[in-house]
N, C-alpha and C. Protein backbone atom coordinates (compact mmCIF):
# COMPACT_ATOMS: atom_id res chain seq x y z
N MET A 1 0.82 -1.19 0.00
CA MET A 1 0.00 0.00 0.00
C MET A 1 0.87 1.26 0.00
N GLY A 2 1.96 1.23 0.78
CA GLY A 2 2.86 2.37 0.84
C GLY A 2 3.48 2.66 -0.52
N THR A 3 3.87 1.61 -1.22
CA THR A 3 4.48 1.79 -2.54
C THR A 3 3.49 2.42 -3.51
N PHE A 4 2.24 1.96 -3.47
CA PHE A 4 1.21 2.53 -4.35
C PHE A 4 1.06 4.03 -4.09
N TYR A 5 0.99 4.41 -2.83
CA TYR A 5 0.88 5.83 -2.45
C TYR A 5 2.07 6.64 -2.98
N LEU A 6 3.26 6.05 -2.88
CA LEU A 6 4.46 6.78 -3.27
C LEU A 6 4.62 6.92 -4.78
N VAL A 7 4.07 5.99 -5.56
CA VAL A 7 4.24 6.06 -7.01
C VAL A 7 3.07 6.77 -7.72
N LEU A 8 2.02 7.09 -6.98
CA LEU A 8 0.93 7.85 -7.60
C LEU A 8 1.48 9.17 -8.14
N PRO A 9 1.02 9.59 -9.31
CA PRO A 9 1.52 10.87 -9.84
C PRO A 9 1.04 12.04 -8.98
N PRO A 10 1.89 13.04 -8.84
CA PRO A 10 1.49 14.22 -8.06
C PRO A 10 0.49 15.05 -8.86
N PRO A 11 -0.18 15.97 -8.20
CA PRO A 11 -1.06 16.88 -8.94
C PRO A 11 -0.27 17.58 -10.04
N ALA A 12 -0.92 17.75 -11.18
CA ALA A 12 -0.26 18.38 -12.33
C ALA A 12 -0.02 19.86 -12.05
N ASP A 13 0.27 20.60 -13.09
CA ASP A 13 0.52 22.04 -12.93
C ASP A 13 -0.56 22.68 -12.06
N PHE A 14 -0.11 23.53 -11.18
CA PHE A 14 -1.04 24.18 -10.26
C PHE A 14 -1.87 25.22 -10.99
N PRO A 15 -3.15 25.25 -10.66
CA PRO A 15 -4.00 26.25 -11.31
C PRO A 15 -3.70 27.65 -10.77
N ASP A 16 -4.00 28.62 -11.61
CA ASP A 16 -3.86 30.01 -11.16
C ASP A 16 -4.90 30.29 -10.08
N LEU A 17 -4.56 31.18 -9.20
CA LEU A 17 -5.46 31.58 -8.13
C LEU A 17 -6.64 32.34 -8.76
N PRO A 18 -7.88 31.92 -8.50
CA PRO A 18 -9.04 32.57 -9.14
C PRO A 18 -9.15 34.05 -8.77
N GLY A 19 -9.43 34.86 -9.77
CA GLY A 19 -9.64 36.29 -9.55
C GLY A 19 -8.37 37.06 -9.25
N ALA A 20 -7.22 36.43 -9.42
CA ALA A 20 -5.95 37.08 -9.11
C ALA A 20 -5.21 37.46 -10.39
N VAL A 21 -4.26 38.36 -10.25
CA VAL A 21 -3.40 38.77 -11.35
C VAL A 21 -2.06 38.07 -11.16
N LYS A 22 -1.63 37.32 -12.17
CA LYS A 22 -0.36 36.59 -12.08
C LYS A 22 0.80 37.57 -12.19
N SER A 23 1.76 37.42 -11.29
CA SER A 23 2.93 38.29 -11.27
C SER A 23 3.89 37.94 -12.41
N ILE A 24 4.46 38.98 -13.01
CA ILE A 24 5.48 38.77 -14.03
C ILE A 24 6.83 39.33 -13.57
N GLU A 25 6.95 39.57 -12.26
CA GLU A 25 8.20 40.08 -11.72
C GLU A 25 9.28 39.00 -11.78
N PRO A 26 10.55 39.43 -11.87
CA PRO A 26 11.64 38.44 -11.86
C PRO A 26 11.58 37.58 -10.60
N GLY A 27 11.77 36.29 -10.76
CA GLY A 27 11.73 35.36 -9.64
C GLY A 27 10.35 34.77 -9.42
N ASP A 28 9.32 35.38 -10.02
CA ASP A 28 7.96 34.88 -9.87
C ASP A 28 7.51 34.08 -11.09
N THR A 29 8.33 34.04 -12.10
CA THR A 29 7.96 33.31 -13.31
C THR A 29 8.89 32.12 -13.48
N GLY A 30 9.63 32.03 -14.56
CA GLY A 30 10.45 30.85 -14.84
C GLY A 30 11.85 30.84 -14.25
N GLN A 31 12.26 31.92 -13.60
CA GLN A 31 13.63 31.99 -13.08
C GLN A 31 13.88 30.97 -11.99
N ILE A 32 12.89 30.73 -11.17
CA ILE A 32 12.98 29.72 -10.12
C ILE A 32 11.94 28.66 -10.44
N LYS A 33 12.40 27.43 -10.58
CA LYS A 33 11.52 26.33 -10.97
C LYS A 33 10.40 26.13 -9.93
N ASN A 34 9.19 25.90 -10.42
CA ASN A 34 8.03 25.58 -9.60
C ASN A 34 7.56 26.73 -8.70
N VAL A 35 7.78 27.96 -9.13
CA VAL A 35 7.33 29.14 -8.38
C VAL A 35 6.37 29.95 -9.24
N SER A 36 5.28 30.38 -8.63
CA SER A 36 4.38 31.33 -9.28
C SER A 36 3.85 32.27 -8.20
N ALA A 37 3.45 33.46 -8.60
CA ALA A 37 2.97 34.44 -7.63
C ALA A 37 1.77 35.19 -8.20
N TYR A 38 0.92 35.65 -7.28
CA TYR A 38 -0.34 36.30 -7.68
C TYR A 38 -0.63 37.48 -6.77
N TYR A 39 -1.23 38.51 -7.36
CA TYR A 39 -1.75 39.64 -6.59
C TYR A 39 -3.24 39.41 -6.42
N THR A 40 -3.72 39.54 -5.19
CA THR A 40 -5.11 39.21 -4.92
C THR A 40 -5.62 39.93 -3.68
N ASP A 41 -6.93 39.92 -3.53
CA ASP A 41 -7.57 40.39 -2.30
C ASP A 41 -8.18 39.21 -1.55
N MET A 42 -7.93 37.99 -2.04
CA MET A 42 -8.46 36.79 -1.40
C MET A 42 -7.77 36.56 -0.06
N PRO A 43 -8.53 36.36 1.03
CA PRO A 43 -7.91 36.16 2.34
C PRO A 43 -7.15 34.83 2.44
N ARG A 44 -6.26 34.78 3.41
CA ARG A 44 -5.37 33.64 3.63
C ARG A 44 -6.12 32.31 3.63
N LYS A 45 -7.18 32.21 4.42
CA LYS A 45 -7.91 30.95 4.55
C LYS A 45 -8.40 30.46 3.19
N ASN A 46 -8.94 31.35 2.39
CA ASN A 46 -9.46 30.97 1.07
C ASN A 46 -8.34 30.51 0.14
N VAL A 47 -7.20 31.20 0.18
CA VAL A 47 -6.06 30.83 -0.66
C VAL A 47 -5.56 29.44 -0.27
N VAL A 48 -5.34 29.22 1.02
CA VAL A 48 -4.82 27.93 1.49
C VAL A 48 -5.83 26.82 1.21
N ASP A 49 -7.10 27.07 1.44
CA ASP A 49 -8.13 26.06 1.16
C ASP A 49 -8.18 25.71 -0.33
N PHE A 50 -8.05 26.71 -1.19
CA PHE A 50 -8.07 26.48 -2.63
C PHE A 50 -6.96 25.51 -3.03
N TYR A 51 -5.72 25.79 -2.58
CA TYR A 51 -4.61 24.92 -2.96
C TYR A 51 -4.63 23.59 -2.21
N PHE A 52 -5.12 23.58 -0.98
CA PHE A 52 -5.24 22.33 -0.24
C PHE A 52 -6.20 21.38 -0.96
N ASN A 53 -7.34 21.89 -1.39
CA ASN A 53 -8.32 21.06 -2.10
C ASN A 53 -7.75 20.52 -3.40
N TYR A 54 -7.00 21.34 -4.11
CA TYR A 54 -6.40 20.90 -5.37
C TYR A 54 -5.30 19.86 -5.12
N PHE A 55 -4.45 20.12 -4.13
CA PHE A 55 -3.25 19.32 -3.89
C PHE A 55 -3.55 18.01 -3.15
N SER A 56 -4.74 17.85 -2.62
CA SER A 56 -5.03 16.68 -1.79
C SER A 56 -5.48 15.46 -2.60
N ARG A 57 -5.49 15.55 -3.92
CA ARG A 57 -5.89 14.42 -4.76
C ARG A 57 -4.90 14.22 -5.91
N SER A 58 -4.69 12.96 -6.24
CA SER A 58 -3.82 12.62 -7.36
C SER A 58 -4.61 12.76 -8.66
N PRO A 59 -3.96 13.15 -9.76
CA PRO A 59 -4.68 13.22 -11.03
C PRO A 59 -5.06 11.82 -11.54
N PHE A 60 -4.45 10.78 -10.97
CA PHE A 60 -4.77 9.41 -11.35
C PHE A 60 -6.04 8.97 -10.62
N LEU A 61 -7.16 8.92 -11.31
CA LEU A 61 -8.45 8.50 -10.78
C LEU A 61 -8.92 9.36 -9.59
N ASN A 62 -8.36 10.55 -9.45
CA ASN A 62 -8.76 11.48 -8.38
C ASN A 62 -8.64 10.85 -6.99
N ILE A 63 -7.63 10.00 -6.82
CA ILE A 63 -7.42 9.28 -5.56
C ILE A 63 -6.97 10.27 -4.48
N PRO A 64 -7.60 10.26 -3.29
CA PRO A 64 -7.18 11.16 -2.22
C PRO A 64 -5.78 10.79 -1.71
N LEU A 65 -4.99 11.80 -1.43
CA LEU A 65 -3.64 11.60 -0.91
C LEU A 65 -3.60 12.02 0.55
N ILE A 66 -2.71 11.40 1.32
CA ILE A 66 -2.49 11.82 2.70
C ILE A 66 -1.94 13.24 2.64
N THR A 67 -2.64 14.17 3.26
CA THR A 67 -2.28 15.58 3.13
C THR A 67 -2.41 16.28 4.47
N TYR A 68 -1.35 17.04 4.82
CA TYR A 68 -1.34 17.81 6.08
C TYR A 68 -1.03 19.26 5.77
N LYS A 69 -1.49 20.15 6.66
CA LYS A 69 -1.13 21.56 6.59
C LYS A 69 -0.22 21.88 7.76
N LEU A 70 0.86 22.57 7.49
CA LEU A 70 1.76 23.04 8.53
C LEU A 70 1.83 24.56 8.47
N ASN A 71 1.83 25.18 9.62
CA ASN A 71 1.92 26.63 9.71
C ASN A 71 3.34 26.98 10.15
N HIS A 72 4.03 27.81 9.38
CA HIS A 72 5.41 28.19 9.69
C HIS A 72 5.47 29.69 10.02
N PRO A 73 6.51 30.11 10.73
CA PRO A 73 6.71 31.55 10.91
C PRO A 73 7.10 32.18 9.57
N PRO A 74 6.84 33.47 9.39
CA PRO A 74 7.14 34.11 8.10
C PRO A 74 8.60 33.99 7.66
N GLU A 75 9.51 33.88 8.62
CA GLU A 75 10.93 33.80 8.28
C GLU A 75 11.27 32.50 7.54
N ARG A 76 10.46 31.49 7.68
CA ARG A 76 10.74 30.17 7.09
C ARG A 76 10.90 30.24 5.58
N ILE A 77 10.14 31.07 4.91
CA ILE A 77 10.19 31.13 3.45
C ILE A 77 11.56 31.62 2.97
N ARG A 78 12.25 32.39 3.81
CA ARG A 78 13.58 32.88 3.43
C ARG A 78 14.61 31.77 3.44
N GLU A 79 14.35 30.71 4.20
CA GLU A 79 15.23 29.53 4.21
C GLU A 79 14.91 28.61 3.04
N VAL A 80 13.64 28.55 2.68
CA VAL A 80 13.18 27.59 1.69
C VAL A 80 13.26 28.13 0.27
N LEU A 81 12.86 29.38 0.06
CA LEU A 81 12.76 29.91 -1.29
C LEU A 81 13.88 30.89 -1.63
N ARG A 82 13.86 32.05 -1.01
CA ARG A 82 14.90 33.06 -1.26
C ARG A 82 14.95 34.04 -0.10
N GLU A 83 16.12 34.58 0.15
CA GLU A 83 16.33 35.45 1.32
C GLU A 83 15.57 36.76 1.25
N THR A 84 15.22 37.21 0.06
CA THR A 84 14.57 38.51 -0.09
C THR A 84 13.05 38.42 -0.15
N GLN A 85 12.50 37.25 0.08
CA GLN A 85 11.05 37.05 -0.03
C GLN A 85 10.32 37.77 1.10
N GLN A 86 9.40 38.66 0.76
CA GLN A 86 8.56 39.33 1.76
C GLN A 86 7.48 38.35 2.20
N SER A 87 7.16 38.38 3.50
CA SER A 87 6.23 37.39 4.00
C SER A 87 5.48 37.87 5.23
N THR A 88 4.18 37.55 5.26
CA THR A 88 3.36 37.78 6.44
C THR A 88 2.96 36.43 7.03
N TYR A 89 2.77 35.43 6.16
CA TYR A 89 2.45 34.08 6.62
C TYR A 89 3.04 33.05 5.66
N VAL A 90 3.30 31.86 6.20
CA VAL A 90 3.78 30.74 5.38
C VAL A 90 3.06 29.49 5.86
N GLU A 91 2.39 28.84 4.94
CA GLU A 91 1.77 27.54 5.23
C GLU A 91 2.32 26.53 4.24
N GLU A 92 2.48 25.32 4.72
CA GLU A 92 2.99 24.24 3.87
C GLU A 92 1.95 23.14 3.82
N ILE A 93 1.66 22.69 2.61
CA ILE A 93 0.78 21.55 2.41
C ILE A 93 1.68 20.38 2.05
N VAL A 94 1.59 19.31 2.85
CA VAL A 94 2.57 18.22 2.76
C VAL A 94 1.89 16.90 2.42
N HIS A 95 2.53 16.15 1.52
CA HIS A 95 2.25 14.74 1.33
C HIS A 95 3.44 14.01 1.94
N PRO A 96 3.26 13.36 3.10
CA PRO A 96 4.40 12.70 3.77
C PRO A 96 5.14 11.73 2.84
N PHE A 97 6.45 11.79 2.89
CA PHE A 97 7.34 10.98 2.07
C PHE A 97 7.26 11.30 0.59
N ARG A 98 6.59 12.38 0.20
CA ARG A 98 6.42 12.69 -1.21
C ARG A 98 6.89 14.11 -1.53
N GLU A 99 5.98 15.06 -1.52
CA GLU A 99 6.27 16.43 -1.92
C GLU A 99 5.49 17.39 -1.05
N SER A 100 5.76 18.68 -1.25
CA SER A 100 5.01 19.69 -0.50
C SER A 100 4.90 20.97 -1.31
N VAL A 101 3.96 21.81 -0.88
CA VAL A 101 3.74 23.12 -1.50
C VAL A 101 3.79 24.16 -0.39
N PHE A 102 4.62 25.17 -0.59
CA PHE A 102 4.67 26.30 0.34
C PHE A 102 3.79 27.41 -0.22
N ILE A 103 2.94 27.95 0.64
CA ILE A 103 2.10 29.08 0.27
C ILE A 103 2.55 30.25 1.14
N ASN A 104 3.12 31.23 0.47
CA ASN A 104 3.62 32.41 1.17
C ASN A 104 2.72 33.59 0.84
N GLY A 105 2.22 34.23 1.87
CA GLY A 105 1.38 35.41 1.65
C GLY A 105 2.05 36.64 2.24
N PHE A 106 1.98 37.71 1.49
CA PHE A 106 2.50 38.99 1.96
C PHE A 106 1.37 40.01 1.94
N GLU A 107 1.03 40.55 3.12
CA GLU A 107 0.01 41.57 3.25
C GLU A 107 0.75 42.88 3.53
N TRP A 108 0.76 43.77 2.56
CA TRP A 108 1.61 44.95 2.65
C TRP A 108 1.32 45.83 3.87
N ASN A 109 0.06 45.92 4.31
CA ASN A 109 -0.23 46.81 5.44
C ASN A 109 -0.20 46.08 6.79
N ASN A 110 0.32 44.86 6.79
CA ASN A 110 0.44 44.09 8.03
C ASN A 110 1.80 43.39 8.09
N ASP A 111 2.80 43.98 7.46
CA ASP A 111 4.14 43.39 7.39
C ASP A 111 4.82 43.46 8.76
N PRO A 112 5.13 42.31 9.36
CA PRO A 112 5.75 42.32 10.69
C PRO A 112 7.18 42.84 10.70
N PHE A 113 7.79 42.92 9.52
CA PHE A 113 9.20 43.33 9.45
C PHE A 113 9.37 44.80 9.06
N THR A 114 8.25 45.51 8.84
CA THR A 114 8.30 46.92 8.47
C THR A 114 7.52 47.71 9.52
N PRO A 115 8.11 48.79 10.05
CA PRO A 115 7.36 49.60 11.02
C PRO A 115 6.10 50.18 10.37
N PRO A 116 5.03 50.34 11.16
CA PRO A 116 3.75 50.83 10.59
C PRO A 116 3.87 52.11 9.77
N TRP A 117 4.71 53.04 10.18
CA TRP A 117 4.83 54.31 9.46
C TRP A 117 5.49 54.15 8.09
N ALA A 118 6.18 53.02 7.85
CA ALA A 118 6.89 52.83 6.58
C ALA A 118 6.21 51.81 5.66
N ARG A 119 5.09 51.25 6.06
CA ARG A 119 4.45 50.18 5.29
C ARG A 119 3.89 50.65 3.94
N GLU A 120 3.58 51.91 3.84
CA GLU A 120 3.00 52.43 2.60
C GLU A 120 3.94 52.22 1.41
N GLN A 121 5.23 52.12 1.66
CA GLN A 121 6.20 51.88 0.57
C GLN A 121 6.04 50.49 -0.04
N ASN A 122 5.35 49.59 0.65
CA ASN A 122 5.17 48.21 0.19
C ASN A 122 3.84 47.99 -0.54
N ILE A 123 3.10 49.05 -0.84
CA ILE A 123 1.80 48.90 -1.49
C ILE A 123 1.94 48.04 -2.74
N LEU A 124 1.00 47.12 -2.89
CA LEU A 124 1.00 46.21 -4.03
C LEU A 124 0.06 46.77 -5.10
N MET A 125 0.64 47.46 -6.08
CA MET A 125 -0.16 48.07 -7.12
C MET A 125 0.24 47.48 -8.47
N VAL A 126 -0.78 46.96 -9.18
CA VAL A 126 -0.55 46.38 -10.50
C VAL A 126 -1.61 46.93 -11.44
N ASN A 127 -1.16 47.47 -12.56
CA ASN A 127 -2.07 48.04 -13.57
C ASN A 127 -3.05 49.05 -12.96
N GLY A 128 -2.56 49.85 -12.02
CA GLY A 128 -3.37 50.90 -11.42
C GLY A 128 -4.32 50.44 -10.32
N LYS A 129 -4.30 49.16 -9.99
CA LYS A 129 -5.17 48.63 -8.93
C LYS A 129 -4.32 48.19 -7.75
N THR A 130 -4.77 48.52 -6.54
CA THR A 130 -4.07 48.13 -5.33
C THR A 130 -4.63 46.80 -4.84
N TYR A 131 -3.72 45.89 -4.52
CA TYR A 131 -4.10 44.58 -3.99
C TYR A 131 -3.65 44.47 -2.55
N GLN A 132 -4.38 43.71 -1.78
CA GLN A 132 -4.07 43.52 -0.36
C GLN A 132 -2.92 42.53 -0.16
N PHE A 133 -2.88 41.48 -0.99
CA PHE A 133 -1.92 40.39 -0.80
C PHE A 133 -1.14 40.08 -2.07
N LYS A 134 0.05 39.59 -1.84
CA LYS A 134 0.81 38.91 -2.90
C LYS A 134 1.04 37.50 -2.37
N VAL A 135 0.59 36.52 -3.13
CA VAL A 135 0.70 35.12 -2.73
C VAL A 135 1.69 34.43 -3.65
N THR A 136 2.69 33.79 -3.05
CA THR A 136 3.70 33.06 -3.81
C THR A 136 3.56 31.58 -3.51
N ILE A 137 3.49 30.77 -4.56
CA ILE A 137 3.36 29.33 -4.44
C ILE A 137 4.68 28.70 -4.85
N PHE A 138 5.21 27.83 -3.99
CA PHE A 138 6.48 27.14 -4.27
C PHE A 138 6.27 25.64 -4.07
N TYR A 139 6.35 24.90 -5.15
CA TYR A 139 6.13 23.46 -5.14
C TYR A 139 7.47 22.75 -5.05
N GLN A 140 7.67 21.96 -3.99
CA GLN A 140 8.89 21.17 -3.83
C GLN A 140 8.58 19.73 -4.18
N GLU A 141 9.06 19.32 -5.34
CA GLU A 141 8.77 17.97 -5.80
C GLU A 141 9.88 17.00 -5.40
N SER A 142 9.60 15.73 -5.55
CA SER A 142 10.61 14.71 -5.32
C SER A 142 10.45 13.63 -6.38
N LYS A 143 11.52 12.93 -6.64
CA LYS A 143 11.48 11.85 -7.62
C LYS A 143 10.98 10.58 -6.94
N VAL A 144 10.33 9.71 -7.72
CA VAL A 144 9.76 8.48 -7.17
C VAL A 144 10.84 7.63 -6.50
N TRP A 145 12.01 7.50 -7.11
CA TRP A 145 13.05 6.66 -6.52
C TRP A 145 13.52 7.21 -5.17
N GLN A 146 13.54 8.55 -5.03
CA GLN A 146 13.91 9.15 -3.74
C GLN A 146 12.87 8.82 -2.68
N ARG A 147 11.60 8.91 -3.05
CA ARG A 147 10.51 8.60 -2.12
C ARG A 147 10.62 7.17 -1.62
N LEU A 148 10.83 6.25 -2.58
CA LEU A 148 10.88 4.83 -2.23
C LEU A 148 12.06 4.52 -1.32
N ILE A 149 13.22 5.07 -1.63
CA ILE A 149 14.41 4.82 -0.79
C ILE A 149 14.18 5.32 0.63
N ILE A 150 13.72 6.55 0.78
CA ILE A 150 13.49 7.12 2.11
C ILE A 150 12.42 6.33 2.86
N PHE A 151 11.34 5.98 2.17
CA PHE A 151 10.25 5.23 2.81
C PHE A 151 10.73 3.88 3.31
N TYR A 152 11.45 3.13 2.46
CA TYR A 152 11.89 1.80 2.88
C TYR A 152 13.00 1.84 3.91
N LEU A 153 13.85 2.85 3.86
CA LEU A 153 14.85 3.03 4.93
C LEU A 153 14.16 3.33 6.26
N ALA A 154 13.17 4.23 6.23
CA ALA A 154 12.44 4.57 7.46
C ALA A 154 11.67 3.36 7.98
N THR A 155 11.06 2.60 7.08
CA THR A 155 10.32 1.40 7.49
C THR A 155 11.27 0.38 8.11
N GLY A 156 12.42 0.16 7.47
CA GLY A 156 13.41 -0.78 8.00
C GLY A 156 13.93 -0.36 9.37
N LEU A 157 14.25 0.91 9.51
CA LEU A 157 14.73 1.42 10.79
C LEU A 157 13.64 1.34 11.86
N GLY A 158 12.40 1.62 11.47
CA GLY A 158 11.29 1.51 12.41
C GLY A 158 11.10 0.08 12.90
N CYS A 159 11.18 -0.89 11.99
CA CYS A 159 11.05 -2.31 12.37
C CYS A 159 12.18 -2.73 13.29
N SER A 160 13.39 -2.30 12.98
CA SER A 160 14.55 -2.62 13.83
C SER A 160 14.37 -2.02 15.22
N LEU A 161 13.89 -0.82 15.29
CA LEU A 161 13.66 -0.16 16.57
C LEU A 161 12.61 -0.91 17.39
N VAL A 162 11.52 -1.33 16.74
CA VAL A 162 10.48 -2.08 17.44
C VAL A 162 11.04 -3.39 17.98
N LYS A 163 11.86 -4.09 17.20
CA LYS A 163 12.47 -5.35 17.65
C LYS A 163 13.36 -5.11 18.87
N GLU A 164 14.15 -4.06 18.83
CA GLU A 164 15.04 -3.77 19.95
C GLU A 164 14.26 -3.39 21.20
N ILE A 165 13.19 -2.64 21.03
CA ILE A 165 12.35 -2.28 22.18
C ILE A 165 11.71 -3.52 22.77
N ASN A 166 11.24 -4.43 21.92
CA ASN A 166 10.66 -5.70 22.41
C ASN A 166 11.68 -6.51 23.19
N LYS A 167 12.92 -6.58 22.70
CA LYS A 167 13.99 -7.30 23.42
C LYS A 167 14.23 -6.66 24.79
N LEU A 168 14.27 -5.35 24.81
CA LEU A 168 14.50 -4.61 26.05
C LEU A 168 13.36 -4.87 27.05
N ILE A 169 12.13 -4.85 26.57
CA ILE A 169 10.98 -5.10 27.45
C ILE A 169 11.05 -6.52 28.01
N LYS A 170 11.39 -7.49 27.17
CA LYS A 170 11.50 -8.89 27.63
C LYS A 170 12.58 -9.02 28.69
N ARG A 171 13.72 -8.33 28.48
CA ARG A 171 14.79 -8.38 29.49
C ARG A 171 14.35 -7.74 30.80
N LEU A 172 13.63 -6.63 30.72
CA LEU A 172 13.14 -5.97 31.94
C LEU A 172 12.14 -6.84 32.69
N ILE A 173 11.26 -7.49 31.95
CA ILE A 173 10.27 -8.38 32.58
C ILE A 173 10.98 -9.57 33.24
N LYS A 174 11.95 -10.14 32.54
CA LYS A 174 12.73 -11.27 33.07
C LYS A 174 13.51 -10.84 34.31
N TYR A 175 14.08 -9.62 34.26
CA TYR A 175 14.88 -9.10 35.38
C TYR A 175 14.02 -8.86 36.61
N GLU A 176 12.78 -8.37 36.42
CA GLU A 176 11.90 -8.09 37.54
C GLU A 176 11.31 -9.36 38.16
N SER A 177 11.27 -10.47 37.42
CA SER A 177 10.67 -11.69 38.00
C SER A 177 11.61 -12.50 38.82
């Protein structure tokens, strides 16, 4: 069953965020593989739910995948994507032992790294319209062979650990009797 889960194809190209304007800034298009960014007024919950719903199923027969959401501090995106990434929130949608998607949102008037009096310099204006958020999507993929190796190594180590714990328990029970 584990092997089947690991070899299922990942969701295909990510859809554009509905009602958003796709960014054409450097670093938001093809310069960094698997990155796209959007200007939007869609709140965080709606953005994360949109991508969670898309990412939680395989394109093969629409099979549901084991999917978790992790909430990270805004600084995390600077470790994962690029040091200059502006961020207000970072959420990660994870398929254990497979791949993950980082959703980074930047709200210009709520930037924790800019003092309130200076936030106006971060206004997100595109084509004469001001947007509340810039959302950056970063997909971290993995190859099937990498998934299988890690999974079987972890399974083997887990089995060995269980055997050793059982031996230890038997020795403790024998020692106490």
